[in-house]
Amino acid sequence: GSITQYMISEKFLENNPEKLEGFNLFDTYCDGYIKASDLENALIAVGYFVTPEELRTVCEHLSIQPSSLLDFRLFMSVLAHQMVDRSEAQIKGAFRIFDKEGRGTIDSRELKHIMTVLGVQTDEEQI
């Protein structure tokens, strides 16, 4: 198993009954597993639309083979992986708005201005 798979807490699993319902739609034999070939449709059933490239990447990261069976914990690991990737993409997108020259940096004066506009008090050391 992967590290990500074991980072999913029992509380997180219990607090997502709608995800379990979506998972169970593809648990053909009611044995607690879905086939890797049903993963994309199971993700769609719980509201996550993934590109083939995103699905391939997460499967590689979590060592999911085309012949693999996924239990609910591994399914939730896939969802968690997707949430992290999307959050990271949103942060990078927001960063690009302030990286006016496209250099991969934000000028310290610009950052101080942004923080002030957002109502966050900062000092020079924090910037």
Protein backbone atom coordinates (compact mmCIF):
# COMPACT_ATOMS: atom_id res chain seq x y z
CA GLY A 1 0.00 0.00 0.00
CA SER A 2 0.99 3.61 -0.29
CA ILE A 3 1.55 6.14 2.45
CA THR A 4 -1.41 8.22 1.25
CA GLN A 5 -3.70 5.22 1.61
CA TYR A 6 -2.95 4.92 5.32
CA MET A 7 -3.29 8.66 6.02
CA ILE A 8 -7.07 8.44 5.54
CA SER A 9 -8.58 8.51 9.02
CA GLU A 10 -11.50 6.43 10.18
CA LYS A 11 -13.35 9.65 11.03
CA PHE A 12 -12.88 10.90 7.44
CA LEU A 13 -14.24 7.60 6.13
CA GLU A 14 -17.25 7.71 8.48
CA ASN A 15 -18.04 11.36 7.67
CA ASN A 16 -18.47 10.71 3.95
CA PRO A 17 -21.53 8.48 3.61
CA GLU A 18 -22.35 9.90 0.16
CA LYS A 19 -18.92 8.75 -1.04
CA LEU A 20 -19.62 5.26 0.32
CA GLU A 21 -22.94 5.22 -1.53
CA GLY A 22 -21.17 6.10 -4.78
CA PHE A 23 -18.54 3.45 -4.11
CA ASN A 24 -21.22 0.85 -3.38
CA LEU A 25 -22.86 1.47 -6.76
CA PHE A 26 -19.81 -0.21 -8.33
CA ASP A 27 -19.27 -2.87 -5.65
CA THR A 28 -20.74 -5.50 -7.96
CA TYR A 29 -20.32 -8.46 -5.63
CA CYS A 30 -21.06 -6.53 -2.38
CA ASP A 31 -17.68 -7.67 -1.06
CA GLY A 32 -16.26 -4.22 -0.28
CA TYR A 33 -14.24 -3.87 -3.48
CA ILE A 34 -14.57 -2.21 -6.86
CA LYS A 35 -12.57 -2.99 -9.98
CA ALA A 36 -9.96 -0.46 -11.12
CA SER A 37 -11.80 -0.40 -14.45
CA ASP A 38 -14.82 1.09 -12.61
CA LEU A 39 -12.79 3.74 -10.81
CA GLU A 40 -13.49 6.58 -13.25
CA ASN A 41 -17.25 5.96 -13.16
CA ALA A 42 -17.21 5.64 -9.35
CA LEU A 43 -15.42 8.99 -9.11
CA ILE A 44 -18.01 10.55 -11.40
CA ALA A 45 -20.77 9.07 -9.21
CA VAL A 46 -19.43 11.04 -6.24
CA GLY A 47 -18.96 14.25 -8.22
CA TYR A 48 -15.31 14.08 -9.27
CA PHE A 49 -14.65 14.36 -12.97
CA VAL A 50 -11.12 13.39 -13.90
CA THR A 51 -9.24 13.46 -17.16
CA PRO A 52 -7.64 10.22 -18.36
CA GLU A 53 -4.25 11.80 -17.59
CA GLU A 54 -5.29 12.68 -14.01
CA LEU A 55 -6.60 9.17 -13.48
CA ARG A 56 -3.43 7.59 -14.87
CA THR A 57 -1.24 9.80 -12.66
CA VAL A 58 -3.13 9.06 -9.43
CA CYS A 59 -3.22 5.34 -10.22
CA GLU A 60 0.54 5.33 -10.77
CA HIS A 61 1.09 7.27 -7.54
CA LEU A 62 -1.05 4.86 -5.54
CA SER A 63 0.24 1.74 -7.35
CA ILE A 64 -3.18 0.86 -8.76
CA GLN A 65 -2.94 -1.56 -11.68
CA PRO A 66 -5.70 -2.15 -14.28
CA SER A 67 -6.38 -5.51 -12.60
CA SER A 68 -6.47 -4.07 -9.06
CA LEU A 69 -9.42 -4.21 -6.71
CA LEU A 70 -9.95 -1.12 -4.56
CA ASP A 71 -11.49 -1.10 -1.11
CA PHE A 72 -13.24 2.01 0.21
CA ARG A 73 -10.10 3.26 1.97
CA LEU A 74 -8.10 3.17 -1.27
CA PHE A 75 -10.99 4.77 -3.15
CA MET A 76 -10.98 7.61 -0.60
CA SER A 77 -7.19 7.88 -1.03
CA VAL A 78 -7.80 8.49 -4.74
CA LEU A 79 -10.33 11.21 -3.85
CA ALA A 80 -7.93 12.79 -1.33
CA HIS A 81 -5.19 12.77 -3.95
CA GLN A 82 -7.52 14.54 -6.41
CA MET A 83 -8.49 17.15 -3.80
CA VAL A 84 -4.83 17.94 -3.04
CA ASP A 85 -3.94 18.19 -6.74
CA ARG A 86 -6.84 20.54 -7.41
CA SER A 87 -6.08 22.70 -4.37
CA GLU A 88 -2.46 22.97 -5.50
CA ALA A 89 -3.58 23.97 -9.00
CA GLN A 90 -5.87 26.66 -7.55
CA ILE A 91 -3.03 28.08 -5.43
CA LYS A 92 -0.71 28.15 -8.44
CA GLY A 93 -3.41 29.89 -10.47
CA ALA A 94 -3.89 32.53 -7.79
CA PHE A 95 -0.12 33.02 -7.58
CA ARG A 96 0.06 33.63 -11.34
CA ILE A 97 -2.38 36.52 -10.97
CA PHE A 98 0.16 38.36 -8.81
CA ASP A 99 3.25 37.22 -10.71
CA LYS A 100 2.82 39.96 -13.28
CA GLU A 101 6.12 39.37 -15.09
CA GLY A 102 5.71 35.57 -15.09
CA ARG A 103 9.05 35.08 -13.31
CA GLY A 104 7.75 32.71 -10.65
CA THR A 105 8.10 35.34 -7.94
CA ILE A 106 5.99 38.02 -6.30
CA ASP A 107 7.67 41.32 -5.46
CA SER A 108 7.78 41.88 -1.67
CA ARG A 109 6.06 45.28 -2.04
CA GLU A 110 3.28 43.63 -4.05
CA LEU A 111 2.93 40.88 -1.45
CA LYS A 112 2.74 43.45 1.37
CA HIS A 113 0.06 45.34 -0.58
CA ILE A 114 -1.94 42.13 -1.18
CA MET A 115 -1.76 41.19 2.50
CA THR A 116 -2.88 44.69 3.53
CA VAL A 117 -5.82 44.61 1.11
CA LEU A 118 -6.79 41.22 2.55
CA GLY A 119 -6.61 42.66 6.06
CA VAL A 120 -3.64 40.58 7.14
CA GLN A 121 -1.13 42.46 9.27
CA THR A 122 2.45 41.52 8.46
CA ASP A 123 5.89 42.89 9.29
CA GLU A 124 8.97 43.04 7.04
CA GLU A 125 10.39 39.80 8.49
CA GLN A 126 7.24 37.85 7.58
CA ILE A 127 7.26 39.21 4.03
